[in-house]
Each structure stands twice: as structure tokens, then as C-alpha cells.
C-alpha atoms as a PDB file:
ATOM      1  CA  UNK A   1      98.856 -93.090 103.363  1.00  0.00           C
ATOM      2  CA  UNK A   2      96.840 -93.535 100.190  1.00  0.00           C
ATOM      3  CA  UNK A   3      93.499 -91.831  99.779  1.00  0.00           C
ATOM      4  CA  UNK A   4      90.447 -93.123  98.000  1.00  0.00           C
ATOM      5  CA  UNK A   5      89.654 -91.614  94.666  1.00  0.00           C
ATOM      6  CA  UNK A   6      87.231 -88.783  95.250  1.00  0.00           C
ATOM      7  CA  UNK A   7      88.069 -88.337  98.915  1.00  0.00           C
ATOM      8  CA  UNK A   8      88.926 -84.884 100.187  1.00  0.00           C
ATOM      9  CA  UNK A   9      92.513 -84.106 101.045  1.00  0.00           C
ATOM     10  CA  UNK A  10      94.108 -81.143 102.791  1.00  0.00           C
ATOM     11  CA  UNK A  11      94.715 -79.174  99.591  1.00  0.00           C
ATOM     12  CA  UNK A  12      91.102 -79.663  98.494  1.00  0.00           C
ATOM     13  CA  UNK A  13      89.896 -78.444 101.870  1.00  0.00           C
ATOM     14  CA  UNK A  14      92.224 -75.450 101.697  1.00  0.00           C
ATOM     15  CA  UNK A  15      90.933 -74.694  98.210  1.00  0.00           C
ATOM     16  CA  UNK A  16      87.324 -74.921  99.337  1.00  0.00           C
ATOM     17  CA  UNK A  17      88.014 -72.575 102.226  1.00  0.00           C
ATOM     18  CA  UNK A  18      89.821 -70.121  99.973  1.00  0.00           C
ATOM     19  CA  UNK A  19      86.971 -70.216  97.440  1.00  0.00           C
ATOM     20  CA  UNK A  20      84.420 -69.623 100.207  1.00  0.00           C
ATOM     21  CA  UNK A  21      86.456 -66.672 101.473  1.00  0.00           C
ATOM     22  CA  UNK A  22      86.569 -65.313  97.929  1.00  0.00           C
ATOM     23  CA  UNK A  23      82.790 -65.521  97.600  1.00  0.00           C
ATOM     24  CA  UNK A  24      82.461 -63.786 100.972  1.00  0.00           C
ATOM     25  CA  UNK A  25      84.205 -60.745  99.450  1.00  0.00           C
ATOM     26  CA  UNK A  26      81.100 -60.308  97.276  1.00  0.00           C
ATOM     27  CA  UNK A  27      78.541 -61.151  99.957  1.00  0.00           C
ATOM     28  CA  UNK A  28      80.006 -58.878 102.649  1.00  0.00           C
ATOM     29  CA  UNK A  29      82.625 -56.581 101.131  1.00  0.00           C
ATOM     30  CA  UNK A  30      82.498 -54.284 104.155  1.00  0.00           C
ATOM     31  CA  UNK A  31      84.175 -57.012 106.216  1.00  0.00           C
ATOM     32  CA  UNK A  32      87.185 -57.059 103.883  1.00  0.00           C
ATOM     33  CA  UNK A  33      87.489 -53.305 103.244  1.00  0.00           C
ATOM     34  CA  UNK A  34      89.490 -52.588 106.435  1.00  0.00           C
ATOM     35  CA  UNK A  35      91.940 -55.359 105.509  1.00  0.00           C
ATOM     36  CA  UNK A  36      92.158 -54.288 101.876  1.00  0.00           C
ATOM     37  CA  UNK A  37      92.448 -50.502 102.343  1.00  0.00           C
ATOM     38  CA  UNK A  38      96.029 -50.323 103.695  1.00  0.00           C
ATOM     39  CA  UNK A  39      97.392 -52.335 100.764  1.00  0.00           C
ATOM     40  CA  UNK A  40      95.013 -50.991  98.104  1.00  0.00           C
ATOM     41  CA  UNK A  41      94.152 -47.450  99.239  1.00  0.00           C
ATOM     42  CA  UNK A  42      93.005 -46.318  95.793  1.00  0.00           C
ATOM     43  CA  UNK A  43      89.639 -47.779  94.817  1.00  0.00           C
ATOM     44  CA  UNK A  44      89.485 -50.193  97.745  1.00  0.00           C
ATOM     45  CA  UNK A  45      86.045 -51.509  96.810  1.00  0.00           C
ATOM     46  CA  UNK A  46      87.152 -52.549  93.337  1.00  0.00           C
ATOM     47  CA  UNK A  47      90.243 -54.248  94.786  1.00  0.00           C
ATOM     48  CA  UNK A  48      88.077 -56.044  97.347  1.00  0.00           C
ATOM     49  CA  UNK A  49      86.088 -57.568  94.485  1.00  0.00           C
ATOM     50  CA  UNK A  50      89.217 -58.350  92.459  1.00  0.00           C
ATOM     51  CA  UNK A  51      90.764 -60.109  95.425  1.00  0.00           C
ATOM     52  CA  UNK A  52      87.536 -62.021  95.985  1.00  0.00           C
ATOM     53  CA  UNK A  53      87.467 -63.134  92.356  1.00  0.00           C
ATOM     54  CA  UNK A  54      91.112 -64.196  92.527  1.00  0.00           C
ATOM     55  CA  UNK A  55      90.617 -66.156  95.729  1.00  0.00           C
ATOM     56  CA  UNK A  56      87.498 -67.850  94.364  1.00  0.00           C
ATOM     57  CA  UNK A  57      89.214 -68.895  91.129  1.00  0.00           C
ATOM     58  CA  UNK A  58      92.397 -70.088  92.844  1.00  0.00           C
ATOM     59  CA  UNK A  59      90.442 -71.927  95.507  1.00  0.00           C
ATOM     60  CA  UNK A  60      88.305 -73.741  92.959  1.00  0.00           C
ATOM     61  CA  UNK A  61      91.432 -74.705  91.003  1.00  0.00           C
ATOM     62  CA  UNK A  62      92.944 -76.207  94.166  1.00  0.00           C
ATOM     63  CA  UNK A  63      89.913 -78.401  94.843  1.00  0.00           C
ATOM     64  CA  UNK A  64      90.339 -80.619  91.792  1.00  0.00           C
ATOM     65  CA  UNK A  65      93.514 -82.682  91.353  1.00  0.00           C
ATOM     66  CA  UNK A  66      93.223 -82.047  87.594  1.00  0.00           C
ATOM     67  CA  UNK A  67      93.642 -78.273  88.037  1.00  0.00           C
ATOM     68  CA  UNK A  68      95.666 -78.254  91.250  1.00  0.00           C
ATOM     69  CA  UNK A  69      99.024 -77.448  89.644  1.00  0.00           C
ATOM     70  CA  UNK A  70      97.529 -74.387  87.972  1.00  0.00           C
ATOM     71  CA  UNK A  71      95.907 -73.428  91.280  1.00  0.00           C
ATOM     72  CA  UNK A  72      99.228 -73.696  93.118  1.00  0.00           C
ATOM     73  CA  UNK A  73     100.926 -71.532  90.493  1.00  0.00           C
ATOM     74  CA  UNK A  74      98.094 -69.010  90.796  1.00  0.00           C
ATOM     75  CA  UNK A  75      98.327 -69.074  94.588  1.00  0.00           C
ATOM     76  CA  UNK A  76     102.083 -68.436  94.487  1.00  0.00           C
ATOM     77  CA  UNK A  77     101.606 -65.530  92.089  1.00  0.00           C
ATOM     78  CA  UNK A  78      98.746 -64.080  94.119  1.00  0.00           C
ATOM     79  CA  UNK A  79     100.678 -64.281  97.391  1.00  0.00           C
ATOM     80  CA  UNK A  80     103.685 -62.707  95.693  1.00  0.00           C
ATOM     81  CA  UNK A  81     101.524 -59.877  94.366  1.00  0.00           C
ATOM     82  CA  UNK A  82      99.939 -59.266  97.774  1.00  0.00           C
ATOM     83  CA  UNK A  83     103.375 -59.301  99.408  1.00  0.00           C
ATOM     84  CA  UNK A  84     104.655 -56.791  96.867  1.00  0.00           C
ATOM     85  CA  UNK A  85     101.700 -54.483  97.426  1.00  0.00           C
ATOM     86  CA  UNK A  86     102.075 -54.772 101.207  1.00  0.00           C
ATOM     87  CA  UNK A  87     105.774 -53.868 100.930  1.00  0.00           C
ATOM     88  CA  UNK A  88     104.895 -50.833  98.784  1.00  0.00           C
ATOM     89  CA  UNK A  89     102.294 -49.735 101.317  1.00  0.00           C
ATOM     90  CA  UNK A  90     104.827 -49.874 104.152  1.00  0.00           C
ATOM     91  CA  UNK A  91     107.059 -47.490 102.223  1.00  0.00           C
END
């Protein structure tokens, strides 16, 4: 099914949601600290902001078809990094 130019698609909506979640890391970092602490126990607050910045940038890249490929590459790298850190935290 073709979409009209300028219409929102699933990836754009995902990107917008991810960007909004990233911004929320700055607005209410205390909400994300319990999620962040097990994976980033050292300097959790700084990592909360770093994760928020990453999610905002990746999400915004996913919104536009012109930057979507870069956003998908960034998302893959970010998820890989989080997975690696989670595996380290489990021991």
C-alpha cells in the first residue's frame, strides 16, 4: 500500500515515540534511574542523560525518510550497546 508524501508511517511514529522518551529522560530522570542503575551502576545520572540524548537523536533520525537509514544504523548500534552492558551487568 502506497503512502502519500508527508504522511506518517510506522517507522516515523516509532521514531517520534523514541524521541519523546529520550526527552523524558531530561524532564523526569528519576523515572529512568531505577531502569538505568542495574546496567549503568557507576554514575547512573550521567548515563540516564546520555541514554536520553541517544534516544532523542535516534528517534528524530527515524522520523524523516531522508535520515532514516542513519537512524536505523544508530538504533542497531544503541541496542547492541545496551545488550552488551546488560550482559556485563548479569555477570
